[in-house]
Amino acid sequence: MDIITRAVKHLENRIHGSGSEEGIVAIETDPDIVICQYERGACLRATYGGRSAEFVTMEPIAVRTRIGFMFGAALEKLPQRAAACAIMNVATGFFCLSRVLKACDPGAHKDCLTAFKKEIGGGRIYPVGMAPNALARFDNVAGSPDEADVILVVGDGLIEPGTGDLLARYAGEKRILLVSPSTAGVSALMGCTHWCPFGKG
């Protein structure tokens, strides 16, 4: 079972019987949002129960649906997986499982990059889904996960079908960081290490 469907199952188990699965989530593309500097694509804004959260992807979708749409669904198409992550982001924020819902202000980008490089240290990184312009700021990018010390995953990389297998293969062997607000929901549900110190709630 891949990481997205596993995370969905964790959310289903947490809210089972609460009635929350019938709650309506609105997902829309918001072109005015300044996205995380490590990501690329369109920002999906998911709204539920007065809270909103972001997910950045090259596979945007706009829809009104129930939280429960994900439960038991195959989630095989990338737009469906992006929508599921957007829903998990806002749901974990609503249920106080995650504190990071939105990208930081652009004024924090420089400090974030400095902190990110310090967090990584001198190790080589293997990025999954990161924006090319962000990668240009690093001179320690590995050509394969085998060559890397740290695996970095942002939202659009998280929804790729093979990412769960990749992370399972290197768990305990390499540092794995899920980066940006986009990965906050899955991180909270799966107990993954999440890195987004300047993200907003």
C-alpha atoms as a PDB file:
ATOM      1  CA  MET A   1       0.000   0.000   0.000  1.00  0.00           C
ATOM      2  CA  ASP A   2       1.457   3.380  -0.947  1.00  0.00           C
ATOM      3  CA  ILE A   3       2.052   6.300   1.391  1.00  0.00           C
ATOM      4  CA  ILE A   4      -0.999   8.327   0.301  1.00  0.00           C
ATOM      5  CA  THR A   5      -3.536   5.518   0.739  1.00  0.00           C
ATOM      6  CA  ARG A   6      -1.895   4.540   4.029  1.00  0.00           C
ATOM      7  CA  ALA A   7      -2.161   8.118   5.306  1.00  0.00           C
ATOM      8  CA  VAL A   8      -5.803   8.269   4.211  1.00  0.00           C
ATOM      9  CA  LYS A   9      -6.476   5.072   6.162  1.00  0.00           C
ATOM     10  CA  HIS A  10      -4.882   6.600   9.270  1.00  0.00           C
ATOM     11  CA  LEU A  11      -7.141   9.644   8.938  1.00  0.00           C
ATOM     12  CA  GLU A  12     -10.181   7.415   8.446  1.00  0.00           C
ATOM     13  CA  ASN A  13      -9.355   5.495  11.630  1.00  0.00           C
ATOM     14  CA  ARG A  14      -8.883   8.714  13.607  1.00  0.00           C
ATOM     15  CA  ILE A  15     -12.216  10.282  12.680  1.00  0.00           C
ATOM     16  CA  HIS A  16     -14.324   7.130  12.362  1.00  0.00           C
ATOM     17  CA  GLY A  17     -17.760   7.596  13.870  1.00  0.00           C
ATOM     18  CA  SER A  18     -17.353  11.332  14.406  1.00  0.00           C
ATOM     19  CA  GLY A  19     -19.464  12.342  11.433  1.00  0.00           C
ATOM     20  CA  SER A  20     -16.576  14.439  10.145  1.00  0.00           C
ATOM     21  CA  GLU A  21     -16.220  12.205   7.112  1.00  0.00           C
ATOM     22  CA  GLU A  22     -19.440  13.774   5.809  1.00  0.00           C
ATOM     23  CA  GLY A  23     -17.984  17.269   6.050  1.00  0.00           C
ATOM     24  CA  ILE A  24     -17.589  19.171   2.787  1.00  0.00           C
ATOM     25  CA  VAL A  25     -14.150  20.252   1.638  1.00  0.00           C
ATOM     26  CA  ALA A  26     -13.802  22.887  -1.091  1.00  0.00           C
ATOM     27  CA  ILE A  27     -10.640  22.706  -3.161  1.00  0.00           C
ATOM     28  CA  GLU A  28      -9.766  25.515  -5.525  1.00  0.00           C
ATOM     29  CA  THR A  29      -6.691  26.783  -7.300  1.00  0.00           C
ATOM     30  CA  ASP A  30      -5.454  30.077  -5.906  1.00  0.00           C
ATOM     31  CA  PRO A  31      -3.067  31.861  -8.329  1.00  0.00           C
ATOM     32  CA  ASP A  32      -2.431  34.710  -5.884  1.00  0.00           C
ATOM     33  CA  ILE A  33      -0.714  32.603  -3.234  1.00  0.00           C
ATOM     34  CA  VAL A  34       3.080  32.772  -3.108  1.00  0.00           C
ATOM     35  CA  ILE A  35       4.072  29.130  -2.831  1.00  0.00           C
ATOM     36  CA  CYS A  36       6.916  27.514  -0.910  1.00  0.00           C
ATOM     37  CA  GLN A  37      10.232  28.262  -2.605  1.00  0.00           C
ATOM     38  CA  TYR A  38      11.096  24.561  -2.890  1.00  0.00           C
ATOM     39  CA  GLU A  39       7.972  23.657  -4.854  1.00  0.00           C
ATOM     40  CA  ARG A  40       6.573  24.271  -8.326  1.00  0.00           C
ATOM     41  CA  GLY A  41       3.090  24.224  -9.753  1.00  0.00           C
ATOM     42  CA  ALA A  42      -0.326  25.500  -8.766  1.00  0.00           C
ATOM     43  CA  CYS A  43      -1.449  26.034  -5.205  1.00  0.00           C
ATOM     44  CA  LEU A  44      -4.564  24.152  -4.190  1.00  0.00           C
ATOM     45  CA  ARG A  45      -6.377  25.753  -1.279  1.00  0.00           C
ATOM     46  CA  ALA A  46      -8.539  23.318   0.662  1.00  0.00           C
ATOM     47  CA  THR A  47     -11.146  24.749   3.035  1.00  0.00           C
ATOM     48  CA  TYR A  48     -12.968  22.821   5.758  1.00  0.00           C
ATOM     49  CA  GLY A  49     -14.657  23.886   8.968  1.00  0.00           C
ATOM     50  CA  GLY A  50     -13.376  27.444   8.737  1.00  0.00           C
ATOM     51  CA  ARG A  51      -9.760  26.344   8.248  1.00  0.00           C
ATOM     52  CA  SER A  52      -7.744  26.349   5.042  1.00  0.00           C
ATOM     53  CA  ALA A  53      -4.539  24.628   3.982  1.00  0.00           C
ATOM     54  CA  GLU A  54      -2.360  24.475   0.890  1.00  0.00           C
ATOM     55  CA  PHE A  55      -0.992  21.801  -1.415  1.00  0.00           C
ATOM     56  CA  VAL A  56       1.238  22.667  -4.381  1.00  0.00           C
ATOM     57  CA  THR A  57       1.162  20.457  -7.451  1.00  0.00           C
ATOM     58  CA  MET A  58       1.605  20.258 -11.198  1.00  0.00           C
ATOM     59  CA  GLU A  59      -1.697  18.312 -11.195  1.00  0.00           C
ATOM     60  CA  PRO A  60      -4.254  20.913 -10.048  1.00  0.00           C
ATOM     61  CA  ILE A  61      -7.926  20.144  -9.498  1.00  0.00           C
ATOM     62  CA  ALA A  62     -10.945  22.147  -8.330  1.00  0.00           C
ATOM     63  CA  VAL A  63     -13.746  20.285  -6.586  1.00  0.00           C
ATOM     64  CA  ARG A  64     -16.219  20.246  -3.704  1.00  0.00           C
ATOM     65  CA  THR A  65     -16.292  16.874  -2.011  1.00  0.00           C
ATOM     66  CA  ARG A  66     -16.593  15.067   1.296  1.00  0.00           C
ATOM     67  CA  ILE A  67     -13.606  14.045   3.396  1.00  0.00           C
ATOM     68  CA  GLY A  68     -14.909  10.503   3.115  1.00  0.00           C
ATOM     69  CA  PHE A  69     -14.465  10.449  -0.682  1.00  0.00           C
ATOM     70  CA  MET A  70     -10.930   9.224  -0.105  1.00  0.00           C
ATOM     71  CA  PHE A  71     -11.805   6.358   2.198  1.00  0.00           C
ATOM     72  CA  GLY A  72     -11.373   3.092   0.327  1.00  0.00           C
ATOM     73  CA  ALA A  73     -10.681   4.862  -2.974  1.00  0.00           C
ATOM     74  CA  ALA A  74      -7.842   3.619  -5.193  1.00  0.00           C
ATOM     75  CA  LEU A  75      -6.467   7.157  -5.711  1.00  0.00           C
ATOM     76  CA  GLU A  76      -4.606   6.084  -8.831  1.00  0.00           C
ATOM     77  CA  LYS A  77      -4.637   9.374 -10.751  1.00  0.00           C
ATOM     78  CA  LEU A  78      -2.290  12.189  -9.752  1.00  0.00           C
ATOM     79  CA  PRO A  79      -5.036  14.861  -9.483  1.00  0.00           C
ATOM     80  CA  GLN A  80      -6.950  12.553  -7.110  1.00  0.00           C
ATOM     81  CA  ARG A  81      -3.818  12.045  -5.028  1.00  0.00           C
ATOM     82  CA  ALA A  82      -3.198  15.804  -4.953  1.00  0.00           C
ATOM     83  CA  ALA A  83      -6.782  16.394  -3.807  1.00  0.00           C
ATOM     84  CA  ALA A  84      -6.401  13.734  -1.117  1.00  0.00           C
ATOM     85  CA  CYS A  85      -3.265  15.436   0.204  1.00  0.00           C
ATOM     86  CA  ALA A  86      -4.962  18.826   0.215  1.00  0.00           C
ATOM     87  CA  ILE A  87      -7.844  17.322   2.203  1.00  0.00           C
ATOM     88  CA  MET A  88      -5.469  15.646   4.657  1.00  0.00           C
ATOM     89  CA  ASN A  89      -3.634  18.944   5.120  1.00  0.00           C
ATOM     90  CA  VAL A  90      -6.757  20.865   6.064  1.00  0.00           C
ATOM     91  CA  ALA A  91      -8.231  17.991   8.092  1.00  0.00           C
ATOM     92  CA  THR A  92      -5.096  17.520  10.204  1.00  0.00           C
ATOM     93  CA  GLY A  93      -5.068  21.264  10.785  1.00  0.00           C
ATOM     94  CA  PHE A  94      -8.736  21.250  11.793  1.00  0.00           C
ATOM     95  CA  PHE A  95      -8.207  18.359  14.216  1.00  0.00           C
ATOM     96  CA  CYS A  96      -5.014  19.989  15.604  1.00  0.00           C
ATOM     97  CA  LEU A  97      -2.762  17.174  14.400  1.00  0.00           C
ATOM     98  CA  SER A  98      -0.648  19.539  12.306  1.00  0.00           C
ATOM     99  CA  ARG A  99       0.355  23.132  12.896  1.00  0.00           C
ATOM    100  CA  VAL A 100       1.643  23.988   9.394  1.00  0.00           C
ATOM    101  CA  LEU A 101      -1.097  24.779   6.890  1.00  0.00           C
ATOM    102  CA  LYS A 102       0.325  27.483   4.626  1.00  0.00           C
ATOM    103  CA  ALA A 103       3.602  28.659   3.131  1.00  0.00           C
ATOM    104  CA  CYS A 104       5.692  31.268   4.881  1.00  0.00           C
ATOM    105  CA  ASP A 105       5.817  34.880   3.786  1.00  0.00           C
ATOM    106  CA  PRO A 106       8.332  35.552   0.961  1.00  0.00           C
ATOM    107  CA  GLY A 107      10.322  37.692   3.374  1.00  0.00           C
ATOM    108  CA  ALA A 108      11.266  34.498   5.237  1.00  0.00           C
ATOM    109  CA  HIS A 109      12.653  32.701   2.150  1.00  0.00           C
ATOM    110  CA  LYS A 110      16.260  33.729   2.708  1.00  0.00           C
ATOM    111  CA  ASP A 111      16.246  32.692   6.373  1.00  0.00           C
ATOM    112  CA  CYS A 112      14.470  29.467   5.439  1.00  0.00           C
ATOM    113  CA  LEU A 113      17.099  28.553   2.844  1.00  0.00           C
ATOM    114  CA  THR A 114      19.896  29.261   5.335  1.00  0.00           C
ATOM    115  CA  ALA A 115      18.192  27.119   7.972  1.00  0.00           C
ATOM    116  CA  PHE A 116      17.507  24.380   5.425  1.00  0.00           C
ATOM    117  CA  LYS A 117      21.149  24.151   4.397  1.00  0.00           C
ATOM    118  CA  LYS A 118      22.149  24.032   8.062  1.00  0.00           C
ATOM    119  CA  GLU A 119      19.610  21.260   8.686  1.00  0.00           C
ATOM    120  CA  ILE A 120      20.978  19.220   5.801  1.00  0.00           C
ATOM    121  CA  GLY A 121      24.596  19.810   6.794  1.00  0.00           C
ATOM    122  CA  GLY A 122      27.292  18.579   4.459  1.00  0.00           C
ATOM    123  CA  GLY A 123      25.360  15.566   3.285  1.00  0.00           C
ATOM    124  CA  ARG A 124      24.308  14.929  -0.292  1.00  0.00           C
ATOM    125  CA  ILE A 125      20.609  15.334  -1.052  1.00  0.00           C
ATOM    126  CA  TYR A 126      18.254  13.404  -3.300  1.00  0.00           C
ATOM    127  CA  PRO A 127      15.252  15.610  -4.076  1.00  0.00           C
ATOM    128  CA  VAL A 128      11.838  14.202  -4.957  1.00  0.00           C
ATOM    129  CA  GLY A 129       9.602  16.730  -6.699  1.00  0.00           C
ATOM    130  CA  MET A 130      11.605  19.849  -5.874  1.00  0.00           C
ATOM    131  CA  ALA A 131      11.562  22.865  -8.190  1.00  0.00           C
ATOM    132  CA  PRO A 132      14.589  23.151 -10.521  1.00  0.00           C
ATOM    133  CA  ASN A 133      15.219  26.763  -9.482  1.00  0.00           C
ATOM    134  CA  ALA A 134      15.394  25.614  -5.852  1.00  0.00           C
ATOM    135  CA  LEU A 135      17.829  22.831  -6.684  1.00  0.00           C
ATOM    136  CA  ALA A 136      20.109  25.368  -8.374  1.00  0.00           C
ATOM    137  CA  ARG A 137      20.830  26.759  -4.886  1.00  0.00           C
ATOM    138  CA  PHE A 138      22.393  23.483  -3.763  1.00  0.00           C
ATOM    139  CA  ASP A 139      25.739  22.096  -4.889  1.00  0.00           C
ATOM    140  CA  ASN A 140      25.348  18.756  -3.125  1.00  0.00           C
ATOM    141  CA  VAL A 141      22.610  17.060  -5.211  1.00  0.00           C
ATOM    142  CA  ALA A 142      23.078  13.312  -5.623  1.00  0.00           C
ATOM    143  CA  GLY A 143      22.241  11.530  -8.863  1.00  0.00           C
ATOM    144  CA  SER A 144      20.450   8.672  -7.126  1.00  0.00           C
ATOM    145  CA  PRO A 145      19.035   7.871  -3.684  1.00  0.00           C
ATOM    146  CA  ASP A 146      21.835   5.342  -3.161  1.00  0.00           C
ATOM    147  CA  GLU A 147      24.375   8.175  -3.377  1.00  0.00           C
ATOM    148  CA  ALA A 148      22.447  10.479  -1.043  1.00  0.00           C
ATOM    149  CA  ASP A 149      22.634  11.065   2.683  1.00  0.00           C
ATOM    150  CA  VAL A 150      19.296  12.875   2.881  1.00  0.00           C
ATOM    151  CA  ILE A 151      16.124  12.311   0.845  1.00  0.00           C
ATOM    152  CA  LEU A 152      13.943  15.403   0.503  1.00  0.00           C
ATOM    153  CA  VAL A 153      10.307  15.159  -0.575  1.00  0.00           C
ATOM    154  CA  VAL A 154       7.924  18.001  -1.422  1.00  0.00           C
ATOM    155  CA  GLY A 155       4.235  17.748  -2.287  1.00  0.00           C
ATOM    156  CA  ASP A 156       4.434  16.932  -5.988  1.00  0.00           C
ATOM    157  CA  GLY A 157       7.008  14.252  -5.263  1.00  0.00           C
ATOM    158  CA  LEU A 158       4.877  12.827  -2.476  1.00  0.00           C
ATOM    159  CA  ILE A 159       1.986  12.005  -4.815  1.00  0.00           C
ATOM    160  CA  GLU A 160       4.164  10.077  -7.271  1.00  0.00           C
ATOM    161  CA  PRO A 161       3.106   6.404  -7.003  1.00  0.00           C
ATOM    162  CA  GLY A 162       6.618   5.076  -6.293  1.00  0.00           C
ATOM    163  CA  THR A 163       7.512   7.505  -3.517  1.00  0.00           C
ATOM    164  CA  GLY A 164       6.125   5.331  -0.717  1.00  0.00           C
ATOM    165  CA  ASP A 165       8.279   2.408  -1.857  1.00  0.00           C
ATOM    166  CA  LEU A 166      11.323   4.690  -2.110  1.00  0.00           C
ATOM    167  CA  LEU A 167      10.876   5.965   1.438  1.00  0.00           C
ATOM    168  CA  ALA A 168      10.234   2.483   2.807  1.00  0.00           C
ATOM    169  CA  ARG A 169      13.388   1.188   1.132  1.00  0.00           C
ATOM    170  CA  TYR A 170      15.633   3.811   2.720  1.00  0.00           C
ATOM    171  CA  ALA A 171      13.876   4.203   6.088  1.00  0.00           C
ATOM    172  CA  GLY A 172      16.405   3.809   8.875  1.00  0.00           C
ATOM    173  CA  GLU A 173      19.274   3.952   6.397  1.00  0.00           C
ATOM    174  CA  LYS A 174      19.085   7.593   5.302  1.00  0.00           C
ATOM    175  CA  ARG A 175      17.576  10.758   6.697  1.00  0.00           C
ATOM    176  CA  ILE A 176      14.207  11.450   5.146  1.00  0.00           C
ATOM    177  CA  LEU A 177      12.641  14.895   5.359  1.00  0.00           C
ATOM    178  CA  LEU A 178       9.172  15.758   4.104  1.00  0.00           C
ATOM    179  CA  VAL A 179       9.415  19.439   3.255  1.00  0.00           C
ATOM    180  CA  SER A 180       6.929  22.317   2.850  1.00  0.00           C
ATOM    181  CA  PRO A 181       3.321  22.808   3.990  1.00  0.00           C
ATOM    182  CA  SER A 182       2.183  20.418   1.235  1.00  0.00           C
ATOM    183  CA  THR A 183       3.542  17.398   3.093  1.00  0.00           C
ATOM    184  CA  ALA A 184       2.330  18.380   6.573  1.00  0.00           C
ATOM    185  CA  GLY A 185      -0.829  16.272   6.639  1.00  0.00           C
ATOM    186  CA  VAL A 186       0.797  13.042   5.499  1.00  0.00           C
ATOM    187  CA  SER A 187       3.720  13.673   7.857  1.00  0.00           C
ATOM    188  CA  ALA A 188       1.394  14.098  10.826  1.00  0.00           C
ATOM    189  CA  LEU A 189      -0.626  11.000  10.007  1.00  0.00           C
ATOM    190  CA  MET A 190       2.342   8.765   9.177  1.00  0.00           C
ATOM    191  CA  GLY A 191       4.782  10.017  11.825  1.00  0.00           C
ATOM    192  CA  CYS A 192       7.301  11.193   9.229  1.00  0.00           C
ATOM    193  CA  THR A 193       9.877  13.888   9.925  1.00  0.00           C
ATOM    194  CA  HIS A 194       8.455  17.155   8.619  1.00  0.00           C
ATOM    195  CA  TRP A 195      10.576  20.237   7.931  1.00  0.00           C
ATOM    196  CA  CYS A 196       8.870  23.615   7.481  1.00  0.00           C
ATOM    197  CA  PRO A 197       9.964  25.907  10.340  1.00  0.00           C
ATOM    198  CA  PHE A 198       8.529  29.112   8.868  1.00  0.00           C
ATOM    199  CA  GLY A 199       5.210  27.713   7.628  1.00  0.00           C
ATOM    200  CA  LYS A 200       2.049  29.334   8.937  1.00  0.00           C
ATOM    201  CA  GLY A 201      -0.907  27.831  10.757  1.00  0.00           C
END
